[in-house]
């Protein structure tokens, strides 16, 4: 049974945005939140689901909120996340489970964002996005789909390099086998639109969203659980909503010509940049910062520099 109290409905016309974080990721969340607010044209309700160690870790964001009289910021410290943290044994932090609490604690339409993102457009469009009767909306996980495509092509590999790439991809997918996941249609949970009211109407699903013990057995923790629980009830977002920082790789194999054209706008002008994977703009400089999405890493660096200069 969830002990946490719902935080109430949004105000008229508000874009509700949730980010989940712990203390260590707070600086990233500050930048992600500020990038969204900078582009918002309407009222915003920014809600941060935090673990206990995040208290007092957002001084720059508190200061930045003065720029946005049409926005409000709320900090929520769910008791459920505190319980998760006590017995947490997974490479993903307990805060990652925060998105599973959204439909329990909030009403209406909610845009969820990971902390390792940079918003580049007005996301008020999430309020009017047609879910076509689905419960959530999400974009495919480009990294996993790339590995899935490469692994499936191992029998057609004609060179040693192609065989090596296919073999590595097949190995990478082994950890996902046996869980019933559809790797051909697998969604990244870093950017999602939730219809909280519709989710709550499905009592069984509403309960299963809190199944932390089940989630901890999966390779990507809550993301795998989301893919399983919402299977067949996801409206697919195009990649502009959740563009991996190395989205440029979709312009070549293993993507088909049709897929390359489909992702062209995401390569050129993404709504949201997502720096998922091992190489983050703020991590120690690595060759991947320059040979994978250097343009987008540079954009993050410049945005972060301006943010730090303005707010300390």
Protein backbone atom coordinates (compact mmCIF):
# COMPACT_ATOMS: atom_id res chain seq x y z
CA UNK A 1 0.00 0.00 0.00
CA UNK A 2 1.32 3.42 -0.96
CA UNK A 3 1.55 5.75 2.03
CA UNK A 4 2.26 8.89 0.06
CA UNK A 5 -0.48 11.51 -0.31
CA UNK A 6 -1.40 12.75 -3.83
CA UNK A 7 -0.24 16.31 -4.43
CA UNK A 8 -3.40 17.61 -6.07
CA UNK A 9 -4.54 18.63 -9.56
CA UNK A 10 -2.85 21.15 -11.87
CA UNK A 11 -4.12 24.66 -12.41
CA UNK A 12 -5.92 25.49 -15.62
CA UNK A 13 -3.65 25.30 -18.65
CA UNK A 14 -0.55 24.20 -16.72
CA UNK A 15 2.05 21.92 -18.23
CA UNK A 16 2.90 19.44 -15.50
CA UNK A 17 6.51 18.26 -15.61
CA UNK A 18 8.10 15.69 -13.30
CA UNK A 19 11.78 14.91 -12.82
CA UNK A 20 13.01 12.32 -10.30
CA UNK A 21 16.40 12.71 -8.66
CA UNK A 22 18.76 12.05 -5.81
CA UNK A 23 21.27 14.50 -4.37
CA UNK A 24 24.08 13.47 -6.67
CA UNK A 25 22.09 14.17 -9.83
CA UNK A 26 20.62 17.45 -8.58
CA UNK A 27 22.98 19.69 -10.64
CA UNK A 28 21.87 17.91 -13.83
CA UNK A 29 18.21 18.22 -12.91
CA UNK A 30 18.65 21.95 -12.32
CA UNK A 31 19.93 22.39 -15.86
CA UNK A 32 17.25 20.14 -17.36
CA UNK A 33 14.49 22.02 -15.53
CA UNK A 34 15.88 25.42 -16.48
CA UNK A 35 16.16 24.45 -20.14
CA UNK A 36 12.46 23.50 -20.17
CA UNK A 37 11.39 26.69 -18.41
CA UNK A 38 13.44 28.84 -20.80
CA UNK A 39 11.40 27.56 -23.74
CA UNK A 40 7.97 27.37 -22.11
CA UNK A 41 5.34 29.77 -23.44
CA UNK A 42 2.61 28.86 -20.95
CA UNK A 43 2.26 28.10 -17.24
CA UNK A 44 4.39 25.27 -15.87
CA UNK A 45 4.12 23.16 -12.76
CA UNK A 46 7.57 21.70 -12.16
CA UNK A 47 7.55 18.81 -9.66
CA UNK A 48 10.74 17.14 -8.44
CA UNK A 49 10.40 13.67 -6.90
CA UNK A 50 13.42 13.49 -4.61
CA UNK A 51 15.17 11.05 -2.34
CA UNK A 52 16.01 12.32 1.14
CA UNK A 53 19.62 13.19 0.27
CA UNK A 54 18.42 15.79 -2.26
CA UNK A 55 17.08 18.19 0.37
CA UNK A 56 18.59 21.64 -0.09
CA UNK A 57 20.50 20.61 -3.24
CA UNK A 58 18.75 22.98 -5.69
CA UNK A 59 19.88 26.52 -4.78
CA UNK A 60 20.49 27.52 -8.39
CA UNK A 61 17.09 26.34 -9.55
CA UNK A 62 15.39 28.15 -6.67
CA UNK A 63 17.15 31.31 -7.76
CA UNK A 64 16.29 30.74 -11.43
CA UNK A 65 12.57 30.39 -10.68
CA UNK A 66 12.40 34.17 -10.15
CA UNK A 67 12.70 34.51 -13.92
CA UNK A 68 9.47 32.61 -14.48
CA UNK A 69 6.45 34.19 -12.76
CA UNK A 70 4.19 31.85 -14.71
CA UNK A 71 5.84 28.74 -13.24
CA UNK A 72 5.83 27.05 -9.86
CA UNK A 73 8.25 24.54 -8.38
CA UNK A 74 7.38 21.77 -5.92
CA UNK A 75 9.67 19.35 -4.10
CA UNK A 76 8.17 15.99 -3.18
CA UNK A 77 9.97 13.40 -1.03
CA UNK A 78 7.97 10.18 -1.50
CA UNK A 79 8.05 7.73 1.38
CA UNK A 80 8.05 4.97 -1.22
CA UNK A 81 11.43 6.10 -2.58
CA UNK A 82 12.80 6.10 0.95
CA UNK A 83 11.76 2.46 1.33
CA UNK A 84 13.27 1.58 -2.05
CA UNK A 85 16.58 3.19 -1.06
CA UNK A 86 16.88 1.06 2.08
CA UNK A 87 17.04 -2.23 0.17
CA UNK A 88 18.28 -1.07 -3.20
CA UNK A 89 20.62 -3.38 -5.11
CA UNK A 90 20.79 -2.27 -8.72
CA UNK A 91 23.09 -0.18 -10.89
CA UNK A 92 20.28 2.34 -11.44
CA UNK A 93 19.62 4.65 -8.47
CA UNK A 94 16.43 4.44 -6.36
CA UNK A 95 15.29 7.82 -7.75
CA UNK A 96 14.82 6.15 -11.14
CA UNK A 97 11.73 4.49 -9.68
CA UNK A 98 10.20 7.92 -9.19
CA UNK A 99 8.50 7.89 -12.57
CA UNK A 100 6.52 4.81 -11.47
CA UNK A 101 4.86 6.97 -8.80
CA UNK A 102 3.56 9.64 -11.16
CA UNK A 103 0.07 8.20 -11.70
CA UNK A 104 -0.25 7.57 -7.95
CA UNK A 105 0.65 11.08 -6.85
CA UNK A 106 -0.62 13.29 -9.68
CA UNK A 107 -3.70 13.92 -11.79
CA UNK A 108 -4.17 14.69 -15.47
CA UNK A 109 -1.45 14.83 -18.10
CA UNK A 110 2.21 14.74 -17.00
CA UNK A 111 5.43 15.06 -18.99
CA UNK A 112 8.21 13.07 -17.36
CA UNK A 113 11.87 13.93 -18.04
CA UNK A 114 15.12 12.29 -17.00
CA UNK A 115 17.78 14.56 -15.55
CA UNK A 116 20.30 14.01 -18.35
CA UNK A 117 18.35 15.97 -20.93
CA UNK A 118 18.38 19.40 -22.55
CA UNK A 119 15.09 20.88 -23.76
CA UNK A 120 15.31 22.92 -26.97
CA UNK A 121 11.65 23.72 -27.76
CA UNK A 122 8.43 24.67 -26.03
CA UNK A 123 7.04 21.45 -24.57
CA UNK A 124 3.57 22.81 -23.83
CA UNK A 125 2.56 20.71 -26.84
CA UNK A 126 2.59 17.69 -24.51
CA UNK A 127 -0.73 18.86 -23.06
CA UNK A 128 -2.49 18.56 -26.41
CA UNK A 129 -0.61 15.57 -27.79
CA UNK A 130 -3.07 12.94 -29.00
CA UNK A 131 -2.41 9.68 -27.17
CA UNK A 132 -5.07 8.00 -29.33
CA UNK A 133 -6.50 6.15 -26.36
CA UNK A 134 -3.13 4.93 -25.07
CA UNK A 135 -1.97 5.33 -21.48
CA UNK A 136 1.49 6.74 -22.16
CA UNK A 137 3.64 8.05 -24.98
CA UNK A 138 7.34 7.33 -25.45
CA UNK A 139 10.01 7.15 -28.14
CA UNK A 140 11.91 4.01 -29.08
CA UNK A 141 15.26 3.33 -27.48
CA UNK A 142 17.66 3.98 -30.37
CA UNK A 143 20.64 2.21 -28.78
CA UNK A 144 18.76 -1.00 -28.10
CA UNK A 145 17.06 -0.94 -31.50
CA UNK A 146 20.44 -0.49 -33.20
CA UNK A 147 21.81 -3.53 -31.34
CA UNK A 148 18.69 -5.51 -32.19
CA UNK A 149 19.05 -4.70 -35.89
CA UNK A 150 22.77 -5.46 -35.94
CA UNK A 151 22.31 -8.76 -34.11
CA UNK A 152 19.59 -9.85 -36.53
CA UNK A 153 21.95 -9.26 -39.46
CA UNK A 154 24.70 -11.59 -38.26
CA UNK A 155 23.76 -14.26 -40.81
CA UNK A 156 24.12 -11.73 -43.64
CA UNK A 157 27.47 -10.36 -42.48
CA UNK A 158 30.05 -10.60 -45.28
CA UNK A 159 33.14 -9.13 -43.61
CA UNK A 160 34.99 -9.83 -40.38
CA UNK A 161 34.12 -6.33 -39.12
CA UNK A 162 30.41 -6.81 -39.76
CA UNK A 163 30.46 -10.18 -38.03
CA UNK A 164 32.27 -8.68 -35.04
CA UNK A 165 29.72 -5.85 -34.73
CA UNK A 166 26.81 -8.26 -35.01
CA UNK A 167 28.34 -10.58 -32.43
CA UNK A 168 28.89 -7.73 -29.95
CA UNK A 169 25.31 -6.58 -30.42
CA UNK A 170 24.01 -10.10 -29.89
CA UNK A 171 26.00 -10.34 -26.66
CA UNK A 172 24.64 -6.98 -25.50
CA UNK A 173 21.07 -8.22 -25.94
CA UNK A 174 21.57 -11.46 -23.99
CA UNK A 175 20.81 -9.76 -20.68
CA UNK A 176 17.32 -8.91 -21.96
CA UNK A 177 16.41 -12.44 -22.97
CA UNK A 178 13.93 -14.45 -20.95
CA UNK A 179 11.89 -11.51 -19.67
CA UNK A 180 9.29 -11.35 -22.44
CA UNK A 181 10.49 -7.99 -23.72
CA UNK A 182 9.79 -7.08 -27.35
CA UNK A 183 13.18 -5.69 -28.35
CA UNK A 184 11.96 -4.71 -31.79
CA UNK A 185 9.49 -2.28 -30.23
CA UNK A 186 11.20 -1.18 -27.03
CA UNK A 187 10.75 2.30 -25.57
CA UNK A 188 13.14 4.57 -23.72
CA UNK A 189 11.58 5.82 -20.49
CA UNK A 190 13.63 9.03 -20.23
CA UNK A 191 10.92 11.15 -21.87
CA UNK A 192 7.31 10.08 -21.41
CA UNK A 193 3.81 11.52 -21.40
CA UNK A 194 1.54 9.97 -18.76
CA UNK A 195 -2.25 10.02 -18.73
CA UNK A 196 -2.51 9.62 -14.97
CA UNK A 197 -6.30 9.48 -14.83
CA UNK A 198 -6.49 6.69 -17.42
CA UNK A 199 -3.76 4.70 -15.68
CA UNK A 200 -5.56 4.90 -12.35
CA UNK A 201 -8.71 3.51 -13.95
CA UNK A 202 -6.77 0.28 -14.54
CA UNK A 203 -6.55 -0.87 -10.93
CA UNK A 204 -4.30 -3.88 -11.63
CA UNK A 205 -1.80 -1.84 -13.64
CA UNK A 206 -1.89 0.88 -11.01
CA UNK A 207 -0.84 -1.70 -8.42
CA UNK A 208 1.84 -3.33 -10.58
CA UNK A 209 3.59 0.01 -11.15
CA UNK A 210 4.78 -0.20 -7.55
CA UNK A 211 6.31 -3.67 -7.94
CA UNK A 212 9.86 -2.71 -7.03
CA UNK A 213 10.87 -6.31 -6.32
CA UNK A 214 9.95 -7.26 -9.87
CA UNK A 215 11.72 -4.26 -11.37
CA UNK A 216 15.01 -4.96 -9.64
CA UNK A 217 15.45 -8.25 -11.56
CA UNK A 218 15.56 -6.47 -14.94
CA UNK A 219 18.67 -5.08 -16.69
CA UNK A 220 17.31 -1.55 -16.99
CA UNK A 221 15.23 -1.64 -13.82
CA UNK A 222 12.04 0.44 -14.17
CA UNK A 223 12.39 0.93 -17.93
CA UNK A 224 11.97 -2.79 -18.58
CA UNK A 225 9.00 -2.89 -16.22
CA UNK A 226 7.42 0.04 -18.07
CA UNK A 227 7.85 -1.74 -21.41
CA UNK A 228 6.21 -4.87 -20.04
CA UNK A 229 3.33 -3.23 -18.20
CA UNK A 230 2.39 -0.76 -20.94
CA UNK A 231 2.92 -3.12 -23.89
CA UNK A 232 0.30 -2.41 -26.54
CA UNK A 233 -0.79 0.80 -24.81
CA UNK A 234 2.04 3.13 -25.81
CA UNK A 235 1.69 5.91 -28.36
CA UNK A 236 5.04 6.15 -30.12
CA UNK A 237 6.70 9.56 -30.05
CA UNK A 238 9.00 10.43 -32.91
CA UNK A 239 12.68 10.76 -32.07
CA UNK A 240 12.60 14.57 -31.90
CA UNK A 241 11.01 14.15 -28.47
CA UNK A 242 13.83 12.00 -27.14
CA UNK A 243 16.88 12.33 -29.36
CA UNK A 244 19.91 10.39 -28.19
CA UNK A 245 22.93 12.67 -28.30
CA UNK A 246 24.42 10.35 -30.94
CA UNK A 247 21.25 10.53 -33.04
CA UNK A 248 23.51 11.23 -36.03
CA UNK A 249 24.26 7.51 -36.21
CA UNK A 250 20.73 6.96 -37.56
CA UNK A 251 21.89 8.38 -40.90
CA UNK A 252 23.73 5.15 -41.74
CA UNK A 253 23.58 1.39 -41.35
CA UNK A 254 22.02 -0.57 -39.75
CA UNK A 255 19.09 1.80 -40.36
CA UNK A 256 17.14 1.43 -43.59
CA UNK A 257 16.69 4.34 -46.00
CA UNK A 258 13.13 4.80 -44.74
CA UNK A 259 14.31 4.91 -41.12
CA UNK A 260 17.07 7.36 -41.96
CA UNK A 261 14.52 9.69 -43.52
CA UNK A 262 12.18 9.18 -40.56
CA UNK A 263 14.86 10.37 -38.12
CA UNK A 264 16.12 13.26 -40.27
CA UNK A 265 14.37 15.97 -38.24
CA UNK A 266 15.63 14.50 -34.96
CA UNK A 267 19.18 14.70 -36.30
CA UNK A 268 18.68 18.31 -37.34
CA UNK A 269 16.43 19.92 -34.73
CA UNK A 270 15.41 17.75 -31.77
CA UNK A 271 12.88 19.01 -29.25
CA UNK A 272 14.69 17.25 -26.42
CA UNK A 273 18.27 16.01 -26.34
CA UNK A 274 18.86 12.98 -24.16
CA UNK A 275 22.39 12.08 -23.13
CA UNK A 276 21.68 8.49 -22.20
CA UNK A 277 24.34 5.84 -22.41
CA UNK A 278 27.80 5.87 -20.90
CA UNK A 279 29.13 9.17 -22.25
CA UNK A 280 27.70 12.26 -20.56
CA UNK A 281 28.69 15.86 -21.42
CA UNK A 282 29.76 16.41 -17.81
CA UNK A 283 31.83 13.23 -17.51
CA UNK A 284 35.57 13.03 -18.11
CA UNK A 285 36.43 13.88 -21.71
CA UNK A 286 36.34 10.84 -23.93
CA UNK A 287 36.75 10.23 -27.64
CA UNK A 288 32.98 9.61 -27.84
CA UNK A 289 32.37 13.24 -26.91
CA UNK A 290 33.82 14.15 -30.28
CA UNK A 291 32.95 11.28 -32.62
CA UNK A 292 29.36 10.85 -31.40
CA UNK A 293 27.16 13.91 -31.38
CA UNK A 294 29.83 16.56 -30.77
CA UNK A 295 27.37 19.27 -31.89
CA UNK A 296 24.95 18.33 -29.12
CA UNK A 297 27.63 17.89 -26.46
CA UNK A 298 28.89 21.36 -27.34
CA UNK A 299 25.37 22.78 -27.04
CA UNK A 300 25.07 21.27 -23.57
CA UNK A 301 28.49 22.59 -22.53
CA UNK A 302 27.59 26.12 -23.63
CA UNK A 303 24.18 26.01 -21.95
CA UNK A 304 25.70 24.71 -18.72
CA UNK A 305 28.40 27.36 -18.81
CA UNK A 306 25.82 30.14 -19.18
CA UNK A 307 23.69 28.63 -16.40
CA UNK A 308 26.64 28.40 -14.02
CA UNK A 309 27.74 31.94 -14.79
CA UNK A 310 24.28 33.30 -14.11
CA UNK A 311 23.32 31.30 -11.03
CA UNK A 312 26.61 30.20 -9.52
